[in-house]
Amino acid sequence: MNTGRVFLGKKEYDNSLDYFAKALEMYKGVLPEQHHSIARCLCNIGCVYEDQLNFNRALEFYRQTYEMNEKEAMDVCIKKLAEQRVNLPQNHPRIGHTRETIGNIYSETDNAQALVFYHEALTIFERCMPSEPKATADCLEHNSTVYSNLGTFDEALKYRNKALDILGW
């Protein structure tokens, strides 16, 4: 893959694409489907197309990279949440933070699902972390943003005001 980057730097786009395509084929043959090296290779191919001002083609590869990274992040969080459920009390703050992180991932693609995880995190923070109001306020802000994205502005404002109250603003 480094050779592909050298050719990209020299603006030898055809050679760069050839090397990245070979690397991608090799990686797909020996690595797990969601491996970060495959994502990096897809991103590099996107860079070549972007340098060629072929933005639509570049976007295709960037989107594949994003989806792979998003799926990998979600898989890690779901696994972490499962481990936490076994090893920690149900309302442990770390479970709240993991739920909030999953909400962050979903907020890019599925606002309704993001709200489910944000609400679960918020419940944990409100019960278990009264001495750490910033975590609760941050989670309220996440809820507010999603409600705003959904066009339910009164609900968004309710969460935003509650966050500001907690922070003493």
Protein backbone atom coordinates (compact mmCIF):
# COMPACT_ATOMS: atom_id res chain seq x y z
CA MET A 1 0.00 0.00 0.00
CA ASN A 2 2.94 2.37 0.60
CA THR A 3 3.84 2.13 -3.08
CA GLY A 4 0.35 3.32 -3.93
CA ARG A 5 0.87 6.36 -1.71
CA VAL A 6 4.18 7.13 -3.39
CA PHE A 7 2.50 7.06 -6.80
CA LEU A 8 -0.32 9.21 -5.43
CA GLY A 9 2.24 11.74 -4.22
CA LYS A 10 3.83 11.75 -7.67
CA LYS A 11 0.36 12.19 -9.20
CA GLU A 12 0.73 8.91 -11.09
CA TYR A 13 -2.89 8.06 -10.49
CA ASP A 14 -3.19 4.94 -12.64
CA ASN A 15 -0.20 3.33 -10.93
CA SER A 16 -1.52 4.41 -7.55
CA LEU A 17 -4.94 2.88 -8.23
CA ASP A 18 -3.31 -0.34 -9.46
CA TYR A 19 -1.32 -0.74 -6.25
CA PHE A 20 -4.23 0.14 -4.01
CA ALA A 21 -6.49 -2.28 -5.91
CA LYS A 22 -3.91 -5.07 -5.52
CA ALA A 23 -3.53 -4.29 -1.82
CA LEU A 24 -7.31 -4.27 -1.38
CA GLU A 25 -7.65 -7.63 -3.13
CA MET A 26 -4.86 -9.11 -1.01
CA TYR A 27 -6.32 -7.74 2.25
CA LYS A 28 -9.79 -9.03 1.43
CA GLY A 29 -8.29 -12.46 0.83
CA VAL A 30 -6.53 -12.74 4.19
CA LEU A 31 -8.13 -10.31 6.66
CA PRO A 32 -11.53 -10.19 8.34
CA GLU A 33 -14.15 -8.31 6.36
CA GLN A 34 -14.18 -5.24 8.64
CA HIS A 35 -10.42 -4.98 9.18
CA HIS A 36 -9.02 -1.46 9.48
CA SER A 37 -6.44 -2.12 6.74
CA ILE A 38 -9.25 -2.72 4.26
CA ALA A 39 -10.91 0.52 5.35
CA ARG A 40 -7.62 2.40 5.01
CA CYS A 41 -7.11 1.00 1.52
CA LEU A 42 -10.62 2.06 0.47
CA CYS A 43 -9.91 5.52 1.85
CA ASN A 44 -6.66 5.73 -0.12
CA ILE A 45 -8.52 4.84 -3.31
CA GLY A 46 -10.95 7.63 -2.47
CA CYS A 47 -7.99 10.01 -2.12
CA VAL A 48 -6.81 9.13 -5.63
CA TYR A 49 -10.21 9.87 -7.09
CA GLU A 50 -10.44 13.08 -5.10
CA ASP A 51 -7.05 14.22 -6.44
CA GLN A 52 -8.38 13.48 -9.93
CA LEU A 53 -11.38 15.70 -9.12
CA ASN A 54 -13.69 12.70 -9.53
CA PHE A 55 -15.61 13.57 -6.40
CA ASN A 56 -18.53 11.21 -6.94
CA ARG A 57 -16.22 8.23 -7.24
CA ALA A 58 -14.17 9.43 -4.26
CA LEU A 59 -17.34 9.74 -2.22
CA GLU A 60 -18.24 6.11 -2.97
CA PHE A 61 -14.98 4.93 -1.43
CA TYR A 62 -15.15 7.36 1.48
CA ARG A 63 -18.69 6.16 2.22
CA GLN A 64 -17.51 2.53 2.26
CA THR A 65 -14.71 3.51 4.62
CA TYR A 66 -17.11 5.36 6.90
CA GLU A 67 -19.57 2.46 6.98
CA MET A 68 -16.81 0.00 7.83
CA ASN A 69 -15.47 2.19 10.62
CA GLU A 70 -18.96 2.83 11.95
CA LYS A 71 -19.77 -0.89 11.98
CA GLU A 72 -16.46 -1.68 13.68
CA ALA A 73 -17.10 0.98 16.32
CA MET A 74 -20.61 -0.35 16.90
CA ASP A 75 -19.35 -3.93 17.20
CA VAL A 76 -16.77 -2.87 19.79
CA CYS A 77 -19.38 -0.96 21.80
CA ILE A 78 -21.95 -3.76 21.72
CA LYS A 79 -19.31 -6.24 22.87
CA LYS A 80 -18.20 -3.84 25.61
CA LEU A 81 -21.80 -3.35 26.74
CA ALA A 82 -22.35 -7.11 26.93
CA GLU A 83 -19.23 -7.50 29.09
CA GLN A 84 -20.29 -4.62 31.32
CA ARG A 85 -23.72 -6.15 31.86
CA VAL A 86 -22.06 -9.29 33.18
CA ASN A 87 -19.43 -7.58 35.32
CA LEU A 88 -21.08 -4.38 36.56
CA PRO A 89 -24.29 -3.40 38.35
CA GLN A 90 -27.14 -2.58 35.98
CA ASN A 91 -26.94 1.18 36.54
CA HIS A 92 -23.17 1.56 36.63
CA PRO A 93 -21.94 4.85 35.11
CA ARG A 94 -19.66 3.03 32.67
CA ILE A 95 -22.71 1.31 31.20
CA GLY A 96 -24.26 4.76 30.84
CA HIS A 97 -21.21 6.04 28.99
CA THR A 98 -21.20 3.02 26.67
CA ARG A 99 -24.89 3.51 25.93
CA GLU A 100 -24.21 7.16 25.21
CA THR A 101 -21.41 6.20 22.81
CA ILE A 102 -23.72 3.79 20.99
CA GLY A 103 -26.24 6.63 20.78
CA ASN A 104 -23.54 8.81 19.23
CA ILE A 105 -22.90 6.20 16.56
CA TYR A 106 -26.60 5.80 15.81
CA SER A 107 -27.11 9.57 15.68
CA GLU A 108 -25.33 9.55 12.32
CA THR A 109 -27.86 7.20 10.71
CA ASP A 110 -30.84 6.41 12.94
CA ASN A 111 -32.14 9.17 15.22
CA ALA A 112 -34.86 7.02 16.76
CA GLN A 113 -32.36 4.36 17.81
CA ALA A 114 -29.98 7.04 19.05
CA LEU A 115 -32.71 8.35 21.34
CA VAL A 116 -33.26 4.90 22.83
CA PHE A 117 -29.62 4.70 23.88
CA TYR A 118 -29.43 8.34 24.96
CA HIS A 119 -32.52 7.93 27.15
CA GLU A 120 -31.08 4.79 28.75
CA ALA A 121 -27.79 6.59 29.39
CA LEU A 122 -29.59 9.62 30.79
CA THR A 123 -31.55 7.45 33.22
CA ILE A 124 -28.32 5.94 34.51
CA PHE A 125 -26.58 9.31 34.80
CA GLU A 126 -29.48 10.90 36.65
CA ARG A 127 -29.67 8.01 39.13
CA CYS A 128 -26.02 7.25 39.67
CA MET A 129 -24.05 10.39 38.96
CA PRO A 130 -25.67 13.35 40.72
CA SER A 131 -22.22 14.52 41.77
CA GLU A 132 -21.11 14.68 38.12
CA PRO A 133 -23.65 16.96 36.46
CA LYS A 134 -21.57 17.42 33.29
CA ALA A 135 -22.21 13.82 32.17
CA THR A 136 -25.94 14.32 32.61
CA ALA A 137 -25.86 17.71 30.87
CA ASP A 138 -23.88 16.30 27.94
CA CYS A 139 -26.37 13.48 27.52
CA LEU A 140 -29.25 15.97 27.66
CA GLU A 141 -27.52 17.94 24.91
CA HIS A 142 -27.27 14.80 22.76
CA ASN A 143 -31.00 14.23 23.23
CA SER A 144 -31.68 17.85 22.34
CA THR A 145 -29.66 17.61 19.14
CA VAL A 146 -31.48 14.48 17.99
CA TYR A 147 -34.89 15.98 18.74
CA SER A 148 -33.86 19.05 16.79
CA ASN A 149 -32.77 16.85 13.86
CA LEU A 150 -36.17 15.18 13.99
CA GLY A 151 -37.89 18.57 13.87
CA THR A 152 -39.41 18.25 17.35
CA PHE A 153 -38.09 21.58 18.49
CA ASP A 154 -40.17 21.93 21.66
CA GLU A 155 -38.75 18.64 22.91
CA ALA A 156 -35.26 19.73 21.85
CA LEU A 157 -35.65 22.96 23.77
CA LYS A 158 -36.87 21.11 26.87
CA TYR A 159 -33.71 18.98 26.94
CA ARG A 160 -31.45 21.92 26.14
CA ASN A 161 -32.93 24.03 28.94
CA LYS A 162 -32.60 21.18 31.41
CA ALA A 163 -28.92 20.82 30.47
CA LEU A 164 -28.36 24.54 30.95
CA ASP A 165 -30.12 24.42 34.33
CA ILE A 166 -27.89 21.59 35.49
CA LEU A 167 -24.80 23.56 34.48
CA GLY A 168 -26.14 26.66 36.22
CA TRP A 169 -26.47 28.82 33.12
